[in-house]
C-alpha atoms as a PDB file:
ATOM      1  CA  UNK A   1       0.000   0.000   0.000  1.00  0.00           C
ATOM      2  CA  UNK A   2       2.927   2.352   0.509  1.00  0.00           C
ATOM      3  CA  UNK A   3       3.509   2.726  -3.210  1.00  0.00           C
ATOM      4  CA  UNK A   4       0.022   4.091  -3.953  1.00  0.00           C
ATOM      5  CA  UNK A   5       0.427   6.821  -1.328  1.00  0.00           C
ATOM      6  CA  UNK A   6       3.903   7.896  -2.386  1.00  0.00           C
ATOM      7  CA  UNK A   7       5.541  10.243   0.084  1.00  0.00           C
ATOM      8  CA  UNK A   8       2.239  11.262   1.664  1.00  0.00           C
ATOM      9  CA  UNK A   9       2.272   8.387   4.158  1.00  0.00           C
ATOM     10  CA  UNK A  10       5.626   9.548   5.516  1.00  0.00           C
ATOM     11  CA  UNK A  11       4.558  13.214   5.370  1.00  0.00           C
ATOM     12  CA  UNK A  12       1.580  12.367   7.570  1.00  0.00           C
ATOM     13  CA  UNK A  13       3.857  10.705  10.139  1.00  0.00           C
ATOM     14  CA  UNK A  14       6.224  13.703  10.169  1.00  0.00           C
ATOM     15  CA  UNK A  15       3.332  16.170  10.517  1.00  0.00           C
ATOM     16  CA  UNK A  16       1.976  14.116  13.431  1.00  0.00           C
ATOM     17  CA  UNK A  17       5.354  14.270  15.159  1.00  0.00           C
ATOM     18  CA  UNK A  18       5.592  18.026  14.543  1.00  0.00           C
ATOM     19  CA  UNK A  19       2.065  18.566  15.895  1.00  0.00           C
ATOM     20  CA  UNK A  20       3.021  16.800  19.102  1.00  0.00           C
ATOM     21  CA  UNK A  21       6.158  18.919  19.423  1.00  0.00           C
ATOM     22  CA  UNK A  22       4.270  22.195  18.881  1.00  0.00           C
ATOM     23  CA  UNK A  23       1.627  21.154  21.418  1.00  0.00           C
ATOM     24  CA  UNK A  24       4.412  20.453  23.911  1.00  0.00           C
ATOM     25  CA  UNK A  25       5.808  23.940  23.288  1.00  0.00           C
ATOM     26  CA  UNK A  26       2.410  25.497  23.996  1.00  0.00           C
ATOM     27  CA  UNK A  27       1.933  23.392  27.129  1.00  0.00           C
ATOM     28  CA  UNK A  28       5.262  24.643  28.493  1.00  0.00           C
ATOM     29  CA  UNK A  29       4.770  28.320  27.668  1.00  0.00           C
ATOM     30  CA  UNK A  30       5.083  29.264  31.352  1.00  0.00           C
ATOM     31  CA  UNK A  31       7.868  26.835  32.303  1.00  0.00           C
ATOM     32  CA  UNK A  32      11.100  28.671  33.206  1.00  0.00           C
ATOM     33  CA  UNK A  33      14.086  27.859  30.972  1.00  0.00           C
ATOM     34  CA  UNK A  34      11.984  25.767  28.557  1.00  0.00           C
ATOM     35  CA  UNK A  35      13.363  25.897  25.016  1.00  0.00           C
ATOM     36  CA  UNK A  36      10.824  25.776  22.173  1.00  0.00           C
ATOM     37  CA  UNK A  37      11.605  23.095  19.586  1.00  0.00           C
ATOM     38  CA  UNK A  38      10.506  22.451  16.037  1.00  0.00           C
ATOM     39  CA  UNK A  39      11.360  20.126  13.160  1.00  0.00           C
ATOM     40  CA  UNK A  40      13.345  21.148  10.114  1.00  0.00           C
ATOM     41  CA  UNK A  41      10.559  20.103   7.737  1.00  0.00           C
ATOM     42  CA  UNK A  42      12.520  20.399   4.481  1.00  0.00           C
ATOM     43  CA  UNK A  43      15.490  18.448   5.801  1.00  0.00           C
ATOM     44  CA  UNK A  44      13.262  15.712   7.230  1.00  0.00           C
ATOM     45  CA  UNK A  45      11.268  15.295   4.009  1.00  0.00           C
ATOM     46  CA  UNK A  46      14.462  15.288   1.915  1.00  0.00           C
ATOM     47  CA  UNK A  47      15.731  12.403   4.046  1.00  0.00           C
ATOM     48  CA  UNK A  48      12.417  10.580   3.588  1.00  0.00           C
ATOM     49  CA  UNK A  49      12.564  11.069  -0.199  1.00  0.00           C
ATOM     50  CA  UNK A  50      16.096   9.686  -0.294  1.00  0.00           C
ATOM     51  CA  UNK A  51      15.007   6.697   1.776  1.00  0.00           C
ATOM     52  CA  UNK A  52      12.037   6.085  -0.516  1.00  0.00           C
ATOM     53  CA  UNK A  53      14.273   6.397  -3.558  1.00  0.00           C
ATOM     54  CA  UNK A  54      16.520   3.590  -2.345  1.00  0.00           C
ATOM     55  CA  UNK A  55      13.620   1.364  -1.286  1.00  0.00           C
ATOM     56  CA  UNK A  56      11.199   2.249  -4.067  1.00  0.00           C
ATOM     57  CA  UNK A  57      11.489  -1.052  -5.882  1.00  0.00           C
ATOM     58  CA  UNK A  58      11.942  -3.261  -2.834  1.00  0.00           C
ATOM     59  CA  UNK A  59       9.014  -5.651  -3.037  1.00  0.00           C
ATOM     60  CA  UNK A  60      10.027  -8.213  -0.412  1.00  0.00           C
ATOM     61  CA  UNK A  61       7.003  -9.569   1.381  1.00  0.00           C
ATOM     62  CA  UNK A  62       8.728 -11.413   4.210  1.00  0.00           C
ATOM     63  CA  UNK A  63       6.199 -11.708   7.034  1.00  0.00           C
ATOM     64  CA  UNK A  64       6.001 -13.940  10.076  1.00  0.00           C
ATOM     65  CA  UNK A  65       2.299 -14.604   9.510  1.00  0.00           C
ATOM     66  CA  UNK A  66       0.205 -14.424   6.350  1.00  0.00           C
ATOM     67  CA  UNK A  67      -2.380 -12.289   8.176  1.00  0.00           C
ATOM     68  CA  UNK A  68       0.122  -9.517   8.971  1.00  0.00           C
ATOM     69  CA  UNK A  69      -0.133  -6.274   7.023  1.00  0.00           C
ATOM     70  CA  UNK A  70       2.409  -3.523   6.481  1.00  0.00           C
ATOM     71  CA  UNK A  71       1.944  -0.500   8.743  1.00  0.00           C
ATOM     72  CA  UNK A  72       3.247   3.040   8.931  1.00  0.00           C
ATOM     73  CA  UNK A  73       7.000   3.363   9.100  1.00  0.00           C
ATOM     74  CA  UNK A  74       8.484   4.750  12.300  1.00  0.00           C
ATOM     75  CA  UNK A  75      10.750   7.775  11.979  1.00  0.00           C
ATOM     76  CA  UNK A  76      13.522   9.027  14.167  1.00  0.00           C
ATOM     77  CA  UNK A  77      13.256  12.814  14.047  1.00  0.00           C
ATOM     78  CA  UNK A  78      15.865  13.628  16.694  1.00  0.00           C
ATOM     79  CA  UNK A  79      18.490  14.715  14.146  1.00  0.00           C
ATOM     80  CA  UNK A  80      16.014  17.177  12.607  1.00  0.00           C
ATOM     81  CA  UNK A  81      15.117  18.934  15.866  1.00  0.00           C
ATOM     82  CA  UNK A  82      15.847  22.613  16.012  1.00  0.00           C
ATOM     83  CA  UNK A  83      15.468  25.093  18.834  1.00  0.00           C
ATOM     84  CA  UNK A  84      13.423  28.170  18.026  1.00  0.00           C
ATOM     85  CA  UNK A  85      15.153  31.535  18.423  1.00  0.00           C
ATOM     86  CA  UNK A  86      12.753  33.972  20.121  1.00  0.00           C
ATOM     87  CA  UNK A  87      12.082  37.421  18.691  1.00  0.00           C
ATOM     88  CA  UNK A  88      11.678  38.809  22.220  1.00  0.00           C
ATOM     89  CA  UNK A  89      13.676  36.852  24.826  1.00  0.00           C
ATOM     90  CA  UNK A  90      12.002  36.457  28.210  1.00  0.00           C
ATOM     91  CA  UNK A  91      13.664  37.013  31.572  1.00  0.00           C
ATOM     92  CA  UNK A  92      13.001  33.463  32.783  1.00  0.00           C
ATOM     93  CA  UNK A  93      14.819  31.866  29.814  1.00  0.00           C
ATOM     94  CA  UNK A  94      11.678  30.451  28.208  1.00  0.00           C
ATOM     95  CA  UNK A  95      11.792  30.730  24.402  1.00  0.00           C
ATOM     96  CA  UNK A  96       8.123  29.887  23.740  1.00  0.00           C
ATOM     97  CA  UNK A  97       6.239  32.736  22.073  1.00  0.00           C
ATOM     98  CA  UNK A  98       2.604  31.732  22.304  1.00  0.00           C
ATOM     99  CA  UNK A  99       1.378  33.685  19.286  1.00  0.00           C
ATOM    100  CA  UNK A 100       4.041  32.139  17.037  1.00  0.00           C
ATOM    101  CA  UNK A 101       3.476  28.630  18.400  1.00  0.00           C
ATOM    102  CA  UNK A 102      -0.289  28.905  17.874  1.00  0.00           C
ATOM    103  CA  UNK A 103       0.242  30.046  14.286  1.00  0.00           C
ATOM    104  CA  UNK A 104       2.675  27.181  13.580  1.00  0.00           C
ATOM    105  CA  UNK A 105       0.300  24.722  15.283  1.00  0.00           C
ATOM    106  CA  UNK A 106      -2.661  25.802  13.123  1.00  0.00           C
ATOM    107  CA  UNK A 107      -0.567  25.838   9.943  1.00  0.00           C
ATOM    108  CA  UNK A 108       0.642  22.296  10.652  1.00  0.00           C
ATOM    109  CA  UNK A 109      -2.919  21.173  11.501  1.00  0.00           C
ATOM    110  CA  UNK A 110      -4.178  22.426   8.129  1.00  0.00           C
ATOM    111  CA  UNK A 111      -1.308  20.716   6.307  1.00  0.00           C
ATOM    112  CA  UNK A 112      -1.979  17.493   8.241  1.00  0.00           C
ATOM    113  CA  UNK A 113      -5.659  17.660   7.268  1.00  0.00           C
ATOM    114  CA  UNK A 114      -4.797  18.306   3.609  1.00  0.00           C
ATOM    115  CA  UNK A 115      -2.446  15.311   3.544  1.00  0.00           C
ATOM    116  CA  UNK A 116      -5.066  13.142   5.224  1.00  0.00           C
ATOM    117  CA  UNK A 117      -7.716  14.199   2.713  1.00  0.00           C
ATOM    118  CA  UNK A 118      -5.348  13.405  -0.179  1.00  0.00           C
ATOM    119  CA  UNK A 119      -4.753   9.915   1.244  1.00  0.00           C
ATOM    120  CA  UNK A 120      -8.510   9.410   1.726  1.00  0.00           C
ATOM    121  CA  UNK A 121      -9.226  10.455  -1.863  1.00  0.00           C
ATOM    122  CA  UNK A 122      -6.540   8.039  -3.069  1.00  0.00           C
ATOM    123  CA  UNK A 123      -8.162   5.207  -1.080  1.00  0.00           C
ATOM    124  CA  UNK A 124     -11.587   6.083  -2.540  1.00  0.00           C
ATOM    125  CA  UNK A 125     -10.102   6.020  -6.026  1.00  0.00           C
ATOM    126  CA  UNK A 126      -8.529   2.600  -5.516  1.00  0.00           C
ATOM    127  CA  UNK A 127     -11.726   1.293  -3.911  1.00  0.00           C
ATOM    128  CA  UNK A 128     -13.726   2.560  -6.882  1.00  0.00           C
ATOM    129  CA  UNK A 129     -11.324   0.926  -9.306  1.00  0.00           C
ATOM    130  CA  UNK A 130     -11.575  -2.387  -7.492  1.00  0.00           C
ATOM    131  CA  UNK A 131     -15.376  -2.207  -7.574  1.00  0.00           C
ATOM    132  CA  UNK A 132     -15.304  -1.362 -11.279  1.00  0.00           C
ATOM    133  CA  UNK A 133     -16.882   2.061 -10.896  1.00  0.00           C
END
């Protein structure tokens, strides 16, 4: 199933990870010395594209049970973490700027939704093709 979704499956996983990180930033807006973090989206997706390029034609179906299905790939995003530089540093050392974090959170939520809708439309198209519609 990964081949019909292209890079969108991995993009959804990265957006989910970023959403969690941005929510953590917002939750710690009042924590002294908390450093706001974010993902380097372009760098992360470039790494995913390279990985897909090398595994694009790998069709091995080795499974321990015939009823097992392939799931979402897990990503390690630690090397793509960046600390956000505040526009107005606070006295307590916290680098979370709530208005910026909320904007990034909403932007990522809309992108996540768009990716999810693209995947859903792809599934509907395949389902229609299998039904002969």
